[in-house]
N, C-alpha and C. Protein backbone atom coordinates (compact mmCIF):
# COMPACT_ATOMS: atom_id res chain seq x y z
N GLN A 1 98.85 112.21 119.75
CA GLN A 1 99.59 113.40 120.10
C GLN A 1 98.92 114.65 119.55
N VAL A 2 98.55 114.61 118.28
CA VAL A 2 97.86 115.71 117.64
C VAL A 2 96.61 115.16 116.97
N GLN A 3 95.50 115.82 117.22
CA GLN A 3 94.24 115.45 116.59
C GLN A 3 93.79 116.57 115.66
N LEU A 4 93.31 116.17 114.51
CA LEU A 4 92.84 117.12 113.51
C LEU A 4 91.40 116.78 113.16
N VAL A 5 90.55 117.78 113.16
CA VAL A 5 89.13 117.58 112.88
C VAL A 5 88.70 118.58 111.82
N GLU A 6 88.22 118.06 110.70
CA GLU A 6 87.73 118.90 109.62
C GLU A 6 86.25 119.20 109.81
N SER A 7 85.83 120.32 109.26
CA SER A 7 84.43 120.69 109.27
C SER A 7 84.16 121.60 108.08
N GLY A 8 82.90 121.81 107.80
CA GLY A 8 82.51 122.76 106.77
C GLY A 8 82.20 122.15 105.42
N GLY A 9 82.36 120.85 105.29
CA GLY A 9 82.03 120.22 104.02
C GLY A 9 80.54 120.23 103.76
N GLY A 10 80.19 119.97 102.53
CA GLY A 10 78.78 119.96 102.17
C GLY A 10 78.60 120.03 100.67
N LEU A 11 77.42 120.45 100.29
CA LEU A 11 77.04 120.54 98.88
C LEU A 11 77.08 121.98 98.42
N VAL A 12 77.68 122.19 97.27
CA VAL A 12 77.75 123.52 96.69
C VAL A 12 77.54 123.41 95.19
N GLN A 13 76.92 124.43 94.61
CA GLN A 13 76.72 124.45 93.17
C GLN A 13 78.00 124.87 92.45
N ALA A 14 78.17 124.38 91.25
CA ALA A 14 79.32 124.78 90.45
C ALA A 14 79.38 126.29 90.33
N GLY A 15 80.57 126.82 90.51
CA GLY A 15 80.76 128.25 90.49
C GLY A 15 80.62 128.91 91.85
N GLY A 16 80.13 128.16 92.81
CA GLY A 16 79.93 128.70 94.14
C GLY A 16 81.15 128.56 95.01
N SER A 17 80.98 128.89 96.28
CA SER A 17 82.09 128.90 97.23
C SER A 17 81.76 128.08 98.45
N LEU A 18 82.80 127.54 99.04
CA LEU A 18 82.68 126.75 100.26
C LEU A 18 83.98 126.85 101.01
N ARG A 19 83.90 126.86 102.32
CA ARG A 19 85.11 126.87 103.14
C ARG A 19 85.12 125.67 104.07
N VAL A 20 86.20 124.92 104.01
CA VAL A 20 86.40 123.83 104.95
C VAL A 20 87.46 124.26 105.95
N SER A 21 87.33 123.76 107.17
CA SER A 21 88.21 124.16 108.25
C SER A 21 88.78 122.95 108.95
N CYS A 22 89.89 123.16 109.61
CA CYS A 22 90.57 122.10 110.34
C CYS A 22 91.01 122.65 111.68
N ALA A 23 90.56 122.02 112.74
CA ALA A 23 90.94 122.40 114.09
C ALA A 23 91.92 121.38 114.66
N ALA A 24 93.04 121.87 115.17
CA ALA A 24 94.06 121.01 115.75
C ALA A 24 93.98 121.06 117.26
N SER A 25 94.11 119.91 117.88
CA SER A 25 94.13 119.84 119.33
C SER A 25 95.28 118.94 119.77
N GLY A 26 95.56 118.95 121.05
CA GLY A 26 96.72 118.25 121.54
C GLY A 26 97.97 119.09 121.30
N ARG A 27 99.09 118.43 121.22
CA ARG A 27 100.33 119.16 121.03
C ARG A 27 100.48 119.61 119.59
N THR A 28 100.77 120.87 119.44
CA THR A 28 101.02 121.43 118.13
C THR A 28 102.35 122.16 118.14
N PHE A 29 102.90 122.33 116.98
CA PHE A 29 104.20 122.96 116.83
C PHE A 29 104.10 124.10 115.84
N SER A 30 104.73 125.20 116.17
CA SER A 30 104.68 126.36 115.29
C SER A 30 105.39 126.10 113.97
N THR A 31 106.27 125.12 113.94
CA THR A 31 107.02 124.82 112.73
C THR A 31 106.30 123.83 111.81
N TYR A 32 105.14 123.35 112.23
CA TYR A 32 104.40 122.38 111.41
C TYR A 32 103.87 123.02 110.15
N THR A 33 103.96 122.28 109.08
CA THR A 33 103.24 122.61 107.87
C THR A 33 101.83 122.03 107.95
N MET A 34 100.85 122.80 107.55
CA MET A 34 99.49 122.31 107.47
C MET A 34 99.11 122.18 106.01
N GLY A 35 98.51 121.06 105.67
CA GLY A 35 98.16 120.82 104.29
C GLY A 35 96.75 120.32 104.12
N TRP A 36 96.25 120.48 102.93
CA TRP A 36 94.97 119.92 102.53
C TRP A 36 95.19 118.96 101.37
N PHE A 37 94.60 117.79 101.49
CA PHE A 37 94.59 116.80 100.44
C PHE A 37 93.14 116.43 100.14
N ARG A 38 92.92 115.82 99.00
CA ARG A 38 91.58 115.37 98.68
C ARG A 38 91.65 114.04 97.95
N GLN A 39 90.58 113.28 98.06
CA GLN A 39 90.52 111.99 97.41
C GLN A 39 89.12 111.77 96.86
N ALA A 40 89.05 111.61 95.56
CA ALA A 40 87.80 111.31 94.89
C ALA A 40 87.67 109.81 94.72
N PRO A 41 86.45 109.30 94.56
CA PRO A 41 86.27 107.86 94.38
C PRO A 41 87.09 107.32 93.22
N GLY A 42 87.82 106.24 93.48
CA GLY A 42 88.61 105.61 92.45
C GLY A 42 89.91 106.31 92.10
N LYS A 43 90.26 107.35 92.83
CA LYS A 43 91.47 108.10 92.53
C LYS A 43 92.39 108.13 93.75
N GLU A 44 93.65 108.40 93.50
CA GLU A 44 94.62 108.52 94.57
C GLU A 44 94.41 109.83 95.33
N ARG A 45 94.82 109.83 96.56
CA ARG A 45 94.78 111.05 97.33
C ARG A 45 95.76 112.06 96.72
N GLU A 46 95.30 113.27 96.51
CA GLU A 46 96.13 114.27 95.86
C GLU A 46 96.29 115.52 96.71
N PHE A 47 97.42 116.14 96.53
CA PHE A 47 97.73 117.37 97.24
C PHE A 47 96.90 118.51 96.70
N VAL A 48 96.45 119.37 97.61
CA VAL A 48 95.68 120.55 97.24
C VAL A 48 96.43 121.84 97.58
N ALA A 49 96.81 121.99 98.84
CA ALA A 49 97.45 123.22 99.27
C ALA A 49 98.18 122.98 100.58
N ALA A 50 99.16 123.83 100.86
CA ALA A 50 99.90 123.75 102.11
C ALA A 50 100.27 125.14 102.57
N ILE A 51 100.43 125.27 103.88
CA ILE A 51 100.83 126.54 104.47
C ILE A 51 101.74 126.26 105.65
N SER A 52 102.81 127.04 105.76
CA SER A 52 103.66 126.93 106.93
C SER A 52 102.95 127.56 108.12
N TRP A 53 103.03 126.88 109.27
CA TRP A 53 102.31 127.39 110.43
C TRP A 53 102.81 128.76 110.87
N SER A 54 104.07 128.99 110.69
CA SER A 54 104.63 130.32 110.91
C SER A 54 105.33 130.76 109.63
N GLY A 55 105.17 131.98 109.30
CA GLY A 55 105.81 132.51 108.12
C GLY A 55 104.87 132.79 106.95
N GLY A 56 103.73 132.12 106.92
CA GLY A 56 102.74 132.41 105.90
C GLY A 56 103.11 131.98 104.49
N ILE A 57 103.99 131.01 104.36
CA ILE A 57 104.36 130.51 103.04
C ILE A 57 103.30 129.53 102.57
N THR A 58 102.84 129.69 101.36
CA THR A 58 101.80 128.84 100.82
C THR A 58 102.22 128.22 99.50
N TYR A 59 101.58 127.11 99.18
CA TYR A 59 101.83 126.43 97.92
C TYR A 59 100.54 125.73 97.50
N TYR A 60 100.25 125.77 96.21
CA TYR A 60 99.00 125.22 95.70
C TYR A 60 99.24 124.28 94.54
N ALA A 61 98.38 123.28 94.44
CA ALA A 61 98.36 122.46 93.25
C ALA A 61 97.90 123.30 92.07
N ASP A 62 98.41 123.00 90.90
CA ASP A 62 98.04 123.78 89.72
C ASP A 62 96.53 123.75 89.47
N SER A 63 95.89 122.65 89.82
CA SER A 63 94.47 122.50 89.54
C SER A 63 93.59 123.46 90.34
N VAL A 64 94.12 123.99 91.44
CA VAL A 64 93.31 124.87 92.29
C VAL A 64 93.88 126.26 92.40
N LYS A 65 95.05 126.48 91.85
CA LYS A 65 95.70 127.79 91.95
C LYS A 65 94.81 128.87 91.35
N GLY A 66 94.63 129.94 92.10
CA GLY A 66 93.78 131.03 91.67
C GLY A 66 92.34 130.88 92.08
N ARG A 67 91.94 129.69 92.52
CA ARG A 67 90.57 129.45 92.96
C ARG A 67 90.47 129.19 94.46
N PHE A 68 91.45 128.48 94.99
CA PHE A 68 91.44 128.12 96.40
C PHE A 68 92.45 128.96 97.16
N THR A 69 92.16 129.21 98.42
CA THR A 69 93.06 129.94 99.29
C THR A 69 93.17 129.22 100.62
N ILE A 70 94.40 128.92 101.02
CA ILE A 70 94.63 128.33 102.33
C ILE A 70 95.05 129.44 103.29
N SER A 71 94.55 129.38 104.50
CA SER A 71 94.87 130.39 105.49
C SER A 71 94.93 129.74 106.87
N LYS A 72 95.39 130.49 107.83
CA LYS A 72 95.56 129.95 109.17
C LYS A 72 95.19 130.96 110.23
N ASP A 73 94.83 130.45 111.38
CA ASP A 73 94.56 131.26 112.56
C ASP A 73 95.34 130.60 113.69
N ASN A 74 96.54 131.09 113.93
CA ASN A 74 97.40 130.47 114.91
C ASN A 74 96.84 130.53 116.33
N ALA A 75 96.10 131.59 116.63
CA ALA A 75 95.53 131.73 117.96
C ALA A 75 94.56 130.61 118.28
N LYS A 76 93.91 130.07 117.26
CA LYS A 76 92.94 129.00 117.47
C LYS A 76 93.41 127.66 116.93
N ASN A 77 94.65 127.60 116.47
CA ASN A 77 95.21 126.38 115.90
C ASN A 77 94.29 125.80 114.82
N THR A 78 93.90 126.65 113.91
CA THR A 78 93.02 126.23 112.84
C THR A 78 93.58 126.64 111.49
N VAL A 79 93.25 125.87 110.48
CA VAL A 79 93.55 126.22 109.10
C VAL A 79 92.26 126.11 108.31
N HIS A 80 92.20 126.89 107.25
CA HIS A 80 91.01 126.94 106.42
C HIS A 80 91.39 126.78 104.96
N LEU A 81 90.46 126.26 104.21
CA LEU A 81 90.60 126.19 102.77
C LEU A 81 89.36 126.82 102.16
N GLN A 82 89.54 127.99 101.59
CA GLN A 82 88.45 128.69 100.92
C GLN A 82 88.42 128.25 99.47
N MET A 83 87.32 127.67 99.06
CA MET A 83 87.17 127.17 97.71
C MET A 83 86.20 128.08 96.95
N ASN A 84 86.72 128.76 95.97
CA ASN A 84 85.91 129.64 95.13
C ASN A 84 85.85 129.08 93.72
N ARG A 85 84.81 129.48 93.00
CA ARG A 85 84.59 129.01 91.64
C ARG A 85 84.72 127.49 91.57
N ALA A 86 84.00 126.85 92.48
CA ALA A 86 84.08 125.39 92.60
C ALA A 86 83.63 124.72 91.31
N ARG A 87 84.27 123.60 91.03
CA ARG A 87 83.97 122.80 89.85
C ARG A 87 83.55 121.40 90.27
N PRO A 88 82.77 120.71 89.44
CA PRO A 88 82.38 119.34 89.79
C PRO A 88 83.58 118.44 90.06
N GLU A 89 84.69 118.65 89.37
CA GLU A 89 85.87 117.83 89.60
C GLU A 89 86.54 118.09 90.94
N ASP A 90 86.09 119.11 91.67
CA ASP A 90 86.56 119.34 93.03
C ASP A 90 85.89 118.41 94.03
N THR A 91 84.87 117.69 93.60
CA THR A 91 84.17 116.77 94.49
C THR A 91 85.13 115.71 95.02
N ALA A 92 85.21 115.61 96.33
CA ALA A 92 86.13 114.67 96.97
C ALA A 92 85.94 114.74 98.47
N VAL A 93 86.56 113.81 99.15
CA VAL A 93 86.74 113.92 100.59
C VAL A 93 88.01 114.73 100.82
N TYR A 94 87.89 115.79 101.59
CA TYR A 94 89.01 116.66 101.86
C TYR A 94 89.59 116.34 103.23
N TYR A 95 90.91 116.16 103.26
CA TYR A 95 91.62 115.79 104.48
C TYR A 95 92.59 116.88 104.88
N CYS A 96 92.60 117.17 106.14
CA CYS A 96 93.58 118.07 106.74
C CYS A 96 94.76 117.24 107.24
N ALA A 97 95.96 117.76 107.10
CA ALA A 97 97.14 117.04 107.53
C ALA A 97 98.16 117.99 108.12
N ALA A 98 99.01 117.47 108.99
CA ALA A 98 100.07 118.25 109.62
C ALA A 98 101.36 117.48 109.58
N GLY A 99 102.45 118.17 109.31
CA GLY A 99 103.75 117.54 109.28
C GLY A 99 104.86 118.54 109.48
N ARG A 100 106.03 118.02 109.70
CA ARG A 100 107.18 118.88 109.96
C ARG A 100 107.91 119.29 108.69
N LEU A 101 107.57 118.68 107.59
CA LEU A 101 108.17 119.02 106.32
C LEU A 101 107.19 119.80 105.47
N PHE A 102 107.72 120.65 104.63
CA PHE A 102 106.89 121.43 103.72
C PHE A 102 106.94 120.75 102.36
N GLY A 103 105.82 120.15 101.97
CA GLY A 103 105.81 119.46 100.69
C GLY A 103 104.43 119.06 100.26
N ALA A 104 104.38 118.42 99.11
CA ALA A 104 103.13 118.00 98.51
C ALA A 104 102.95 116.48 98.52
N TRP A 105 103.83 115.77 99.18
CA TRP A 105 103.77 114.33 99.24
C TRP A 105 103.08 113.92 100.54
N ALA A 106 102.09 113.06 100.44
CA ALA A 106 101.31 112.67 101.61
C ALA A 106 102.17 112.05 102.70
N LYS A 107 103.22 111.34 102.31
CA LYS A 107 104.06 110.68 103.29
C LYS A 107 104.88 111.66 104.12
N GLU A 108 104.91 112.91 103.72
CA GLU A 108 105.62 113.93 104.48
C GLU A 108 104.79 114.45 105.65
N TYR A 109 103.54 114.03 105.74
CA TYR A 109 102.65 114.49 106.79
C TYR A 109 102.43 113.38 107.82
N ASP A 110 102.40 113.77 109.07
CA ASP A 110 102.38 112.83 110.18
C ASP A 110 101.00 112.62 110.80
N TYR A 111 100.14 113.62 110.71
CA TYR A 111 98.83 113.56 111.34
C TYR A 111 97.76 113.89 110.33
N TRP A 112 96.64 113.21 110.45
CA TRP A 112 95.54 113.35 109.50
C TRP A 112 94.20 113.43 110.20
N GLY A 113 93.32 114.22 109.64
CA GLY A 113 91.95 114.26 110.10
C GLY A 113 91.13 113.15 109.46
N GLN A 114 89.87 113.11 109.82
CA GLN A 114 88.99 112.04 109.33
C GLN A 114 88.42 112.33 107.96
N GLY A 115 88.53 113.56 107.51
CA GLY A 115 88.02 113.95 106.22
C GLY A 115 86.63 114.52 106.28
N THR A 116 86.33 115.39 105.34
CA THR A 116 85.00 115.96 105.21
C THR A 116 84.62 115.97 103.74
N GLN A 117 83.39 115.56 103.47
CA GLN A 117 82.93 115.42 102.09
C GLN A 117 82.55 116.77 101.50
N VAL A 118 83.06 117.04 100.32
CA VAL A 118 82.68 118.21 99.54
C VAL A 118 82.13 117.72 98.22
N THR A 119 80.92 118.13 97.90
CA THR A 119 80.28 117.74 96.66
C THR A 119 79.89 119.00 95.88
N VAL A 120 80.33 119.06 94.65
CA VAL A 120 80.03 120.19 93.78
C VAL A 120 79.08 119.72 92.70
N SER A 121 77.89 120.27 92.68
CA SER A 121 76.87 119.89 91.71
C SER A 121 76.99 120.72 90.45
N PRO A 122 76.76 120.11 89.28
CA PRO A 122 76.83 120.85 88.03
C PRO A 122 75.78 121.95 87.94
């Protein structure tokens, strides 16, 4: 029903910046929350940030607050995650997700992208 495709991952030096993007296709809803999660090797998938598709309400994990910014472009059905002052511990596969609930729990999201690798070098 809804397909999500991430892009923009890659290698960045510590302290640098990188932006990952998520393009939604198929049926989308203005009431959907869009979220970013990440998963590092050997660790559980963790919440990073979320934004309401309409209204511009955002929420961030404490670990990224002040460094990352989530934004949206409703005209293109895309969301972005701007990562500034990147740290090696930010290294993970980043996943885009969409759901009808606004929250930080992965089970609250209904659709997921394939993930994009972000690696932060010391």
